[in-house]
C-alpha atoms as a PDB file:
ATOM      1  CA  MET A   1       0.063  -0.172   0.025  1.00  0.00           C
ATOM      2  CA  THR A   2       1.091   3.387  -1.032  1.00  0.00           C
ATOM      3  CA  ASN A   3       1.614   6.177   1.831  1.00  0.00           C
ATOM      4  CA  ASN A   4      -0.805   8.047  -0.702  1.00  0.00           C
ATOM      5  CA  GLU A   5      -3.619   5.070  -0.716  1.00  0.00           C
ATOM      6  CA  LYS A   6      -6.268   5.423   1.178  1.00  0.00           C
ATOM      7  CA  MET A   7      -6.571   2.698   3.972  1.00  0.00           C
ATOM      8  CA  THR A   8      -9.753   0.538   4.057  1.00  0.00           C
ATOM      9  CA  LEU A   9     -10.073  -2.353   5.937  1.00  0.00           C
ATOM     10  CA  ILE A  10     -10.432  -4.829   3.622  1.00  0.00           C
ATOM     11  CA  ASN A  11      -6.451  -3.973   2.912  1.00  0.00           C
ATOM     12  CA  PHE A  12      -6.237  -6.340   6.191  1.00  0.00           C
ATOM     13  CA  LEU A  13      -8.466  -8.410   5.907  1.00  0.00           C
ATOM     14  CA  SER A  14      -7.133 -12.646   4.338  1.00  0.00           C
ATOM     15  CA  PRO A  15      -9.336 -13.419   1.280  1.00  0.00           C
ATOM     16  CA  GLY A  16     -13.097 -13.499   0.742  1.00  0.00           C
ATOM     17  CA  SER A  17     -13.408 -11.930   4.115  1.00  0.00           C
ATOM     18  CA  ASP A  18     -16.181  -9.457   1.942  1.00  0.00           C
ATOM     19  CA  LYS A  19     -17.949 -12.157   0.595  1.00  0.00           C
ATOM     20  CA  THR A  20     -21.351 -12.377   2.441  1.00  0.00           C
ATOM     21  CA  GLN A  21     -22.376 -16.115   3.086  1.00  0.00           C
ATOM     22  CA  THR A  22     -25.308 -17.798   4.410  1.00  0.00           C
ATOM     23  CA  HIS A  23     -24.824 -19.368   7.858  1.00  0.00           C
ATOM     24  CA  PRO A  24     -24.954 -22.727   7.426  1.00  0.00           C
ATOM     25  CA  THR A  25     -26.622 -23.641  10.691  1.00  0.00           C
ATOM     26  CA  LEU A  26     -28.197 -20.381  11.303  1.00  0.00           C
ATOM     27  CA  GLY A  27     -29.307 -19.982   8.393  1.00  0.00           C
ATOM     28  CA  CYS A  28     -28.602 -16.001   8.462  1.00  0.00           C
ATOM     29  CA  PHE A  29     -26.692 -14.263   6.252  1.00  0.00           C
ATOM     30  CA  TYR A  30     -23.112 -14.233   7.605  1.00  0.00           C
ATOM     31  CA  LEU A  31     -19.943 -11.913   7.250  1.00  0.00           C
ATOM     32  CA  ASN A  32     -17.013 -14.210   8.523  1.00  0.00           C
ATOM     33  CA  MET A  33     -13.690 -12.149   8.390  1.00  0.00           C
ATOM     34  CA  GLU A  34     -10.022 -12.621   9.626  1.00  0.00           C
ATOM     35  CA  VAL A  35      -7.775  -9.634  10.398  1.00  0.00           C
ATOM     36  CA  ASP A  36      -4.266 -11.117   7.761  1.00  0.00           C
ATOM     37  CA  ASP A  37      -1.279 -11.995   9.923  1.00  0.00           C
ATOM     38  CA  GLY A  38       0.946 -10.306   7.613  1.00  0.00           C
ATOM     39  CA  THR A  39      -1.181  -6.855   7.537  1.00  0.00           C
ATOM     40  CA  ARG A  40      -1.729  -6.922  11.627  1.00  0.00           C
ATOM     41  CA  GLU A  41       0.261  -3.604  11.805  1.00  0.00           C
ATOM     42  CA  GLN A  42      -1.183  -2.062   9.460  1.00  0.00           C
ATOM     43  CA  TYR A  43      -4.727  -2.651  10.600  1.00  0.00           C
ATOM     44  CA  ILE A  44      -3.589  -1.285  14.382  1.00  0.00           C
ATOM     45  CA  GLU A  45      -2.667   2.055  12.646  1.00  0.00           C
ATOM     46  CA  TYR A  46      -5.844   1.709  10.514  1.00  0.00           C
ATOM     47  CA  ILE A  47      -8.121   1.162  13.336  1.00  0.00           C
ATOM     48  CA  SER A  48      -6.550   3.536  15.942  1.00  0.00           C
ATOM     49  CA  LYS A  49      -7.036   6.212  12.627  1.00  0.00           C
ATOM     50  CA  ALA A  50     -11.009   5.126  12.859  1.00  0.00           C
ATOM     51  CA  ILE A  51     -10.842   5.366  16.829  1.00  0.00           C
ATOM     52  CA  ARG A  52      -9.404   8.755  17.155  1.00  0.00           C
ATOM     53  CA  GLU A  53     -11.949   9.850  14.397  1.00  0.00           C
ATOM     54  CA  THR A  54     -15.237   8.291  16.685  1.00  0.00           C
ATOM     55  CA  TYR A  55     -13.709  10.204  19.413  1.00  0.00           C
ATOM     56  CA  VAL A  56     -12.702  12.868  18.271  1.00  0.00           C
ATOM     57  CA  ASP A  57     -14.282  15.507  15.580  1.00  0.00           C
ATOM     58  CA  ALA A  58     -11.860  16.391  13.080  1.00  0.00           C
ATOM     59  CA  ASN A  59     -12.841  20.012  12.770  1.00  0.00           C
ATOM     60  CA  TYR A  60     -12.383  20.751  16.634  1.00  0.00           C
ATOM     61  CA  LEU A  61      -9.551  19.466  17.082  1.00  0.00           C
ATOM     62  CA  SER A  62      -8.141  21.650  14.238  1.00  0.00           C
ATOM     63  CA  THR A  63      -9.805  24.391  16.177  1.00  0.00           C
ATOM     64  CA  VAL A  64      -8.282  23.383  19.667  1.00  0.00           C
ATOM     65  CA  MET A  65      -4.916  22.757  17.419  1.00  0.00           C
ATOM     66  CA  GLU A  66      -5.410  26.820  16.022  1.00  0.00           C
ATOM     67  CA  ARG A  67      -6.660  27.935  20.078  1.00  0.00           C
ATOM     68  CA  GLU A  68      -3.985  26.042  22.212  1.00  0.00           C
ATOM     69  CA  GLY A  69      -1.579  24.447  19.967  1.00  0.00           C
ATOM     70  CA  PHE A  70       0.565  20.891  20.921  1.00  0.00           C
ATOM     71  CA  ASP A  71      -0.616  21.028  24.660  1.00  0.00           C
ATOM     72  CA  GLY A  72      -4.466  21.821  24.186  1.00  0.00           C
ATOM     73  CA  VAL A  73      -4.286  18.959  21.903  1.00  0.00           C
ATOM     74  CA  ALA A  74      -2.414  16.981  24.254  1.00  0.00           C
ATOM     75  CA  LYS A  75      -5.318  17.476  26.868  1.00  0.00           C
ATOM     76  CA  LEU A  76      -7.808  16.667  24.332  1.00  0.00           C
ATOM     77  CA  PHE A  77      -6.759  13.657  24.220  1.00  0.00           C
ATOM     78  CA  LYS A  78      -5.253  12.781  27.653  1.00  0.00           C
ATOM     79  CA  GLU A  79      -9.905  13.064  28.202  1.00  0.00           C
ATOM     80  CA  ARG A  80     -10.408  10.847  25.476  1.00  0.00           C
ATOM     81  CA  PHE A  81      -8.061   8.097  25.973  1.00  0.00           C
ATOM     82  CA  GLU A  82      -6.016   7.562  29.091  1.00  0.00           C
ATOM     83  CA  ASN A  83      -8.460   9.014  31.011  1.00  0.00           C
ATOM     84  CA  ASN A  84     -10.707   6.412  29.780  1.00  0.00           C
ATOM     85  CA  LYS A  85      -8.997   2.880  31.853  1.00  0.00           C
ATOM     86  CA  ASP A  86     -11.820   0.564  32.684  1.00  0.00           C
ATOM     87  CA  PHE A  87     -10.559  -1.512  30.271  1.00  0.00           C
ATOM     88  CA  GLY A  88     -14.504  -3.846  29.997  1.00  0.00           C
ATOM     89  CA  VAL A  89     -15.397  -0.302  28.653  1.00  0.00           C
ATOM     90  CA  ARG A  90     -12.550   0.296  25.989  1.00  0.00           C
ATOM     91  CA  THR A  91     -13.037  -3.057  24.741  1.00  0.00           C
ATOM     92  CA  GLY A  92     -16.854  -2.534  24.114  1.00  0.00           C
ATOM     93  CA  ASP A  93     -16.495   1.024  22.642  1.00  0.00           C
ATOM     94  CA  PHE A  94     -13.393  -0.680  20.531  1.00  0.00           C
ATOM     95  CA  GLY A  95     -16.187  -3.646  19.307  1.00  0.00           C
ATOM     96  CA  GLU A  96     -18.683  -0.464  18.459  1.00  0.00           C
ATOM     97  CA  ILE A  97     -15.987   1.011  16.252  1.00  0.00           C
ATOM     98  CA  VAL A  98     -14.745  -2.314  14.567  1.00  0.00           C
ATOM     99  CA  GLY A  99     -18.869  -2.344  13.518  1.00  0.00           C
ATOM    100  CA  HIS A 100     -18.244   0.958  12.368  1.00  0.00           C
ATOM    101  CA  THR A 101     -15.823   0.089   9.706  1.00  0.00           C
ATOM    102  CA  VAL A 102     -17.486  -2.932   8.357  1.00  0.00           C
ATOM    103  CA  LEU A 103     -20.412  -1.130   7.796  1.00  0.00           C
ATOM    104  CA  MET A 104     -18.880   1.695   5.923  1.00  0.00           C
ATOM    105  CA  ASP A 105     -15.953   0.042   4.451  1.00  0.00           C
ATOM    106  CA  ILE A 106     -17.037  -3.431   3.251  1.00  0.00           C
ATOM    107  CA  LEU A 107     -21.204  -2.350   3.452  1.00  0.00           C
ATOM    108  CA  GLY A 108     -20.880   0.608   2.052  1.00  0.00           C
ATOM    109  CA  TYR A 109     -23.389   2.400   4.925  1.00  0.00           C
ATOM    110  CA  SER A 110     -23.171   6.058   6.264  1.00  0.00           C
ATOM    111  CA  ILE A 111     -23.082   6.846  10.047  1.00  0.00           C
ATOM    112  CA  PRO A 112     -23.430  10.357   9.914  1.00  0.00           C
ATOM    113  CA  ILE A 113     -23.257  10.595  13.583  1.00  0.00           C
ATOM    114  CA  TYR A 114     -21.171   8.490  16.131  1.00  0.00           C
ATOM    115  CA  LYS A 115     -22.577   8.207  19.296  1.00  0.00           C
ATOM    116  CA  ILE A 116     -19.397   7.480  21.388  1.00  0.00           C
ATOM    117  CA  ARG A 117     -17.928  10.889  20.963  1.00  0.00           C
ATOM    118  CA  TYR A 118     -21.034  12.272  23.480  1.00  0.00           C
ATOM    119  CA  LYS A 119     -20.499  10.262  26.108  1.00  0.00           C
ATOM    120  CA  THR A 120     -19.923  12.250  28.983  1.00  0.00           C
ATOM    121  CA  ASN A 121     -18.334   9.850  31.057  1.00  0.00           C
ATOM    122  CA  TRP A 122     -15.371   7.865  29.458  1.00  0.00           C
ATOM    123  CA  ASN A 123     -15.538   4.825  32.313  1.00  0.00           C
ATOM    124  CA  LYS A 124     -19.740   3.732  31.232  1.00  0.00           C
ATOM    125  CA  ALA A 125     -20.453   1.906  27.956  1.00  0.00           C
ATOM    126  CA  ALA A 126     -22.815   4.597  25.755  1.00  0.00           C
ATOM    127  CA  PHE A 127     -26.575   3.945  26.651  1.00  0.00           C
ATOM    128  CA  GLY A 128     -28.870   2.297  23.946  1.00  0.00           C
ATOM    129  CA  VAL A 129     -28.370   0.627  20.714  1.00  0.00           C
ATOM    130  CA  ASP A 130     -24.901  -0.462  19.832  1.00  0.00           C
ATOM    131  CA  ILE A 131     -24.883   1.093  16.285  1.00  0.00           C
ATOM    132  CA  ILE A 132     -27.957   2.761  14.154  1.00  0.00           C
ATOM    133  CA  ALA A 133     -26.308   3.455  10.256  1.00  0.00           C
ATOM    134  CA  PHE A 134     -28.135   3.872   6.969  1.00  0.00           C
ATOM    135  CA  ARG A 135     -28.007   3.444   3.478  1.00  0.00           C
ATOM    136  CA  LEU A 136     -28.410   6.267   1.659  1.00  0.00           C
ATOM    137  CA  ASP A 137     -29.452   6.122  -2.365  1.00  0.00           C
ATOM    138  CA  GLU A 138     -27.697   9.023  -4.127  1.00  0.00           C
ATOM    139  CA  ASN A 139     -30.313   9.040  -6.570  1.00  0.00           C
ATOM    140  CA  ASP A 140     -33.516   8.358  -5.072  1.00  0.00           C
ATOM    141  CA  PRO A 141     -34.090   9.256  -0.842  1.00  0.00           C
ATOM    142  CA  SER A 142     -37.161   6.910  -0.816  1.00  0.00           C
ATOM    143  CA  LYS A 143     -34.808   4.262  -1.442  1.00  0.00           C
ATOM    144  CA  ASP A 144     -32.844   5.110   2.265  1.00  0.00           C
ATOM    145  CA  THR A 145     -32.565   2.195   4.674  1.00  0.00           C
ATOM    146  CA  VAL A 146     -31.675   2.090   8.115  1.00  0.00           C
ATOM    147  CA  VAL A 147     -29.926  -0.618   9.900  1.00  0.00           C
ATOM    148  CA  PHE A 148     -29.534  -1.497  13.632  1.00  0.00           C
ATOM    149  CA  GLY A 149     -25.895  -3.301  15.396  1.00  0.00           C
ATOM    150  CA  GLU A 150     -25.330  -4.775  18.795  1.00  0.00           C
ATOM    151  CA  ALA A 151     -21.961  -5.867  19.320  1.00  0.00           C
ATOM    152  CA  LYS A 152     -19.530  -7.529  21.589  1.00  0.00           C
ATOM    153  CA  ALA A 153     -16.393  -7.731  21.609  1.00  0.00           C
ATOM    154  CA  SER A 154     -14.037 -10.447  24.212  1.00  0.00           C
ATOM    155  CA  THR A 155     -11.304 -13.152  23.919  1.00  0.00           C
ATOM    156  CA  GLN A 156     -13.759 -15.442  25.463  1.00  0.00           C
ATOM    157  CA  LYS A 157     -15.203 -17.196  23.001  1.00  0.00           C
ATOM    158  CA  ASP A 158     -18.517 -18.065  24.615  1.00  0.00           C
ATOM    159  CA  TYR A 159     -18.949 -14.392  26.151  1.00  0.00           C
ATOM    160  CA  GLY A 160     -21.906 -12.256  24.889  1.00  0.00           C
ATOM    161  CA  VAL A 161     -22.523 -14.780  22.196  1.00  0.00           C
ATOM    162  CA  GLU A 162     -25.730 -15.490  22.795  1.00  0.00           C
ATOM    163  CA  LYS A 163     -26.799 -11.676  24.464  1.00  0.00           C
ATOM    164  CA  VAL A 164     -26.341 -10.150  21.148  1.00  0.00           C
ATOM    165  CA  PHE A 165     -28.647 -12.041  19.571  1.00  0.00           C
ATOM    166  CA  GLU A 166     -30.915 -11.839  22.620  1.00  0.00           C
ATOM    167  CA  GLU A 167     -30.508  -8.032  22.466  1.00  0.00           C
ATOM    168  CA  ILE A 168     -31.518  -8.179  18.868  1.00  0.00           C
ATOM    169  CA  GLN A 169     -34.292 -10.402  19.241  1.00  0.00           C
ATOM    170  CA  GLN A 170     -35.695  -7.691  21.395  1.00  0.00           C
ATOM    171  CA  LEU A 171     -35.477  -4.857  18.921  1.00  0.00           C
ATOM    172  CA  VAL A 172     -37.397  -7.058  16.346  1.00  0.00           C
ATOM    173  CA  GLU A 173     -40.147  -8.742  18.761  1.00  0.00           C
ATOM    174  CA  ASP A 174     -43.599  -7.512  18.628  1.00  0.00           C
ATOM    175  CA  GLY A 175     -45.114  -5.681  21.731  1.00  0.00           C
ATOM    176  CA  GLN A 176     -41.415  -4.801  23.739  1.00  0.00           C
ATOM    177  CA  SER A 177     -41.934  -1.245  23.615  1.00  0.00           C
ATOM    178  CA  GLU A 178     -38.932  -0.685  25.797  1.00  0.00           C
ATOM    179  CA  ALA A 179     -36.597  -2.211  23.207  1.00  0.00           C
ATOM    180  CA  GLN A 180     -38.485  -0.257  19.980  1.00  0.00           C
ATOM    181  CA  GLN A 181     -38.321   2.631  21.332  1.00  0.00           C
ATOM    182  CA  LYS A 182     -34.273   2.300  22.297  1.00  0.00           C
ATOM    183  CA  MET A 183     -34.318   2.098  17.831  1.00  0.00           C
ATOM    184  CA  ARG A 184     -36.705   5.723  18.228  1.00  0.00           C
ATOM    185  CA  ASN A 185     -33.925   7.289  20.565  1.00  0.00           C
ATOM    186  CA  ALA A 186     -31.138   6.226  18.687  1.00  0.00           C
ATOM    187  CA  VAL A 187     -32.606   7.500  15.551  1.00  0.00           C
ATOM    188  CA  ARG A 188     -33.741  10.671  17.786  1.00  0.00           C
ATOM    189  CA  PHE A 189     -30.296  10.833  18.672  1.00  0.00           C
ATOM    190  CA  VAL A 190     -29.111  11.248  15.026  1.00  0.00           C
ATOM    191  CA  SER A 191     -31.665  13.530  13.960  1.00  0.00           C
ATOM    192  CA  GLU A 192     -31.083  15.963  17.081  1.00  0.00           C
ATOM    193  CA  ARG A 193     -27.223  16.338  16.173  1.00  0.00           C
ATOM    194  CA  LEU A 194     -27.790  16.729  12.778  1.00  0.00           C
ATOM    195  CA  TYR A 195     -30.248  19.639  13.406  1.00  0.00           C
ATOM    196  CA  ASP A 196     -27.450  21.136  16.123  1.00  0.00           C
ATOM    197  CA  LEU A 197     -24.754  20.590  12.843  1.00  0.00           C
ATOM    198  CA  LYS A 198     -27.494  22.340  10.763  1.00  0.00           C
ATOM    199  CA  GLU A 199     -26.700  19.608   8.484  1.00  0.00           C
ATOM    200  CA  PHE A 200     -30.534  20.621   7.807  1.00  0.00           C
ATOM    201  CA  ASP A 201     -31.667  17.911   4.522  1.00  0.00           C
ATOM    202  CA  LEU A 202     -29.704  15.134   6.063  1.00  0.00           C
ATOM    203  CA  GLU A 203     -31.563  14.940   9.238  1.00  0.00           C
ATOM    204  CA  LYS A 204     -34.731  15.391   7.541  1.00  0.00           C
ATOM    205  CA  ARG A 205     -33.889  12.132   5.692  1.00  0.00           C
ATOM    206  CA  ILE A 206     -33.093  10.541   8.659  1.00  0.00           C
ATOM    207  CA  TYR A 207     -36.133  11.886  10.742  1.00  0.00           C
ATOM    208  CA  ARG A 208     -37.957   9.898   8.520  1.00  0.00           C
ATOM    209  CA  PHE A 209     -36.715   6.417  10.506  1.00  0.00           C
ATOM    210  CA  LEU A 210     -38.285   7.224  13.748  1.00  0.00           C
ATOM    211  CA  ASP A 211     -41.045   4.993  13.978  1.00  0.00           C
ATOM    212  CA  SER A 212     -38.951   2.493  11.177  1.00  0.00           C
ATOM    213  CA  TYR A 213     -40.311  -0.013  14.095  1.00  0.00           C
ATOM    214  CA  THR A 214     -43.880   0.203  12.753  1.00  0.00           C
ATOM    215  CA  ASN A 215     -42.708   0.753   8.638  1.00  0.00           C
ATOM    216  CA  PRO A 216     -40.565  -2.626   8.790  1.00  0.00           C
ATOM    217  CA  HIS A 217     -39.534  -1.991   5.096  1.00  0.00           C
ATOM    218  CA  TYR A 218     -37.374   1.185   6.123  1.00  0.00           C
ATOM    219  CA  ILE A 219     -35.092  -1.236   8.570  1.00  0.00           C
ATOM    220  CA  GLU A 220     -32.573  -2.979   5.691  1.00  0.00           C
ATOM    221  CA  THR A 221     -31.239  -5.351   8.537  1.00  0.00           C
ATOM    222  CA  PHE A 222     -30.124  -5.664  11.642  1.00  0.00           C
ATOM    223  CA  TYR A 223     -26.731  -6.850  12.391  1.00  0.00           C
ATOM    224  CA  PRO A 224     -24.972  -8.877  15.451  1.00  0.00           C
ATOM    225  CA  PHE A 225     -21.045  -7.895  16.163  1.00  0.00           C
ATOM    226  CA  LEU A 226     -18.503 -10.556  17.421  1.00  0.00           C
ATOM    227  CA  ILE A 227     -14.909  -9.349  17.934  1.00  0.00           C
ATOM    228  CA  ARG A 228     -12.539 -12.152  18.732  1.00  0.00           C
ATOM    229  CA  GLU A 229      -9.599 -13.275  19.376  1.00  0.00           C
ATOM    230  CA  LYS A 230      -8.254 -15.775  16.565  1.00  0.00           C
ATOM    231  CA  LYS A 231      -6.850 -17.924  19.153  1.00  0.00           C
ATOM    232  CA  THR A 232      -9.864 -19.105  21.474  1.00  0.00           C
ATOM    233  CA  TRP A 233     -12.104 -18.311  18.675  1.00  0.00           C
ATOM    234  CA  THR A 234     -14.039 -21.745  17.346  1.00  0.00           C
ATOM    235  CA  LYS A 235     -17.460 -21.235  14.890  1.00  0.00           C
ATOM    236  CA  ASP A 236     -18.993 -23.740  16.785  1.00  0.00           C
ATOM    237  CA  VAL A 237     -19.751 -21.720  19.772  1.00  0.00           C
ATOM    238  CA  LEU A 238     -22.916 -20.634  17.101  1.00  0.00           C
ATOM    239  CA  GLU A 239     -24.186 -24.156  17.063  1.00  0.00           C
ATOM    240  CA  LYS A 240     -26.307 -23.617  20.095  1.00  0.00           C
ATOM    241  CA  ILE A 241     -27.134 -20.574  18.944  1.00  0.00           C
ATOM    242  CA  VAL A 242     -31.471 -20.623  18.293  1.00  0.00           C
ATOM    243  CA  LEU A 243     -33.024 -17.409  16.155  1.00  0.00           C
ATOM    244  CA  ASN A 244     -36.192 -18.681  17.691  1.00  0.00           C
ATOM    245  CA  LYS A 245     -38.166 -15.482  16.598  1.00  0.00           C
ATOM    246  CA  LEU A 246     -35.904 -13.952  14.385  1.00  0.00           C
ATOM    247  CA  GLU A 247     -36.535 -14.373  10.756  1.00  0.00           C
ATOM    248  CA  PRO A 248     -33.070 -15.250   9.188  1.00  0.00           C
ATOM    249  CA  GLU A 249     -33.097 -13.143   5.879  1.00  0.00           C
ATOM    250  CA  ARG A 250     -33.775  -9.914   8.205  1.00  0.00           C
ATOM    251  CA  ILE A 251     -30.055 -10.718   9.708  1.00  0.00           C
ATOM    252  CA  THR A 252     -26.460 -10.389   9.000  1.00  0.00           C
ATOM    253  CA  LEU A 253     -24.041 -11.644  11.211  1.00  0.00           C
ATOM    254  CA  CYS A 254     -20.532 -10.289  11.092  1.00  0.00           C
ATOM    255  CA  VAL A 255     -17.905 -11.660  13.050  1.00  0.00           C
ATOM    256  CA  PHE A 256     -14.762 -10.314  13.427  1.00  0.00           C
ATOM    257  CA  VAL A 257     -11.706 -12.043  14.672  1.00  0.00           C
ATOM    258  CA  VAL A 258      -7.964 -10.358  14.913  1.00  0.00           C
ATOM    259  CA  GLU A 259      -4.602 -12.619  17.174  1.00  0.00           C
ATOM    260  CA  ASN A 260      -3.822 -11.148  19.970  1.00  0.00           C
ATOM    261  CA  LEU A 261      -7.248  -8.127  20.722  1.00  0.00           C
ATOM    262  CA  ASP A 262      -6.395  -7.228  24.176  1.00  0.00           C
ATOM    263  CA  ASP A 263      -3.123  -6.216  22.406  1.00  0.00           C
ATOM    264  CA  VAL A 264      -4.918  -4.965  19.385  1.00  0.00           C
ATOM    265  CA  ILE A 265      -7.222  -2.441  21.832  1.00  0.00           C
ATOM    266  CA  GLN A 266      -4.801  -0.974  23.691  1.00  0.00           C
ATOM    267  CA  ASP A 267      -2.050  -0.474  21.245  1.00  0.00           C
ATOM    268  CA  ALA A 268      -4.913   0.857  19.018  1.00  0.00           C
ATOM    269  CA  TYR A 269      -5.657   3.276  21.716  1.00  0.00           C
ATOM    270  CA  LYS A 270      -2.291   4.193  22.754  1.00  0.00           C
ATOM    271  CA  ARG A 271      -1.864   5.336  18.592  1.00  0.00           C
ATOM    272  CA  ALA A 272      -4.708   7.221  18.888  1.00  0.00           C
ATOM    273  CA  ALA A 273      -3.966   9.324  21.664  1.00  0.00           C
ATOM    274  CA  ASN A 274      -0.222  10.266  19.820  1.00  0.00           C
ATOM    275  CA  ILE A 275      -0.022  13.967  19.595  1.00  0.00           C
ATOM    276  CA  GLU A 276       2.350  13.336  16.288  1.00  0.00           C
ATOM    277  CA  VAL A 277       0.427  10.926  14.538  1.00  0.00           C
ATOM    278  CA  LYS A 278      -2.046  13.156  14.192  1.00  0.00           C
ATOM    279  CA  VAL A 279      -0.649  16.575  14.229  1.00  0.00           C
ATOM    280  CA  GLY A 280       3.077  16.370  14.025  1.00  0.00           C
END
């Protein structure tokens, strides 16, 4: 990869990782992605930039640089990264950010607002649905769709596997008013932030999805994300999963595997907090 070539997730994955399949036992759509061992270092650099861009708006970062110089940027990075010392929360945030990159780089969705950026306590998980993204049709806005995702990241192969499907099921079951409100709250959050940013045309398109749970045609699919450690992950973990009321055609399972997951997370956050990487 040349220095001028834009890094995208597919550059770091093993061949075929971007191909959607049908899962042999679940019957749902399935993406099985693995970071190629030969590009692991480049992937860490890539994901560190994604982390930084998720936590800190680039324009705001430039403003801080103009007002306070390197010291101001260093303080901002410390607030966002060094003060976030709860590794469990950080791992959860990392899982959501991996989900962002999959949806945008491989599947072509747009994420106009990063929920993580608006956290007020960096040692707590963000509220509500983990991930909300949109497929925005350039020629016909009536074809726009929304997707919702839940993510679980862990070095333990079983951790959160059943839970992530339960959370998706809660979003689609009839009569689950609390879960349906979670979808509405997620759309509302994006709508309000876009309005604050004076992105009025885009906000108007997003606003239509407030009642997406009563208009199923608005929802393209639901995404459970599992981010796992290569050394411990085995596909047979999924054999005990039962979709129950979930319709397989409405689910796209994404499994993302990388070697030494904990080290990758630590190293990526360390690089994200490095002022020289961004402005040096």
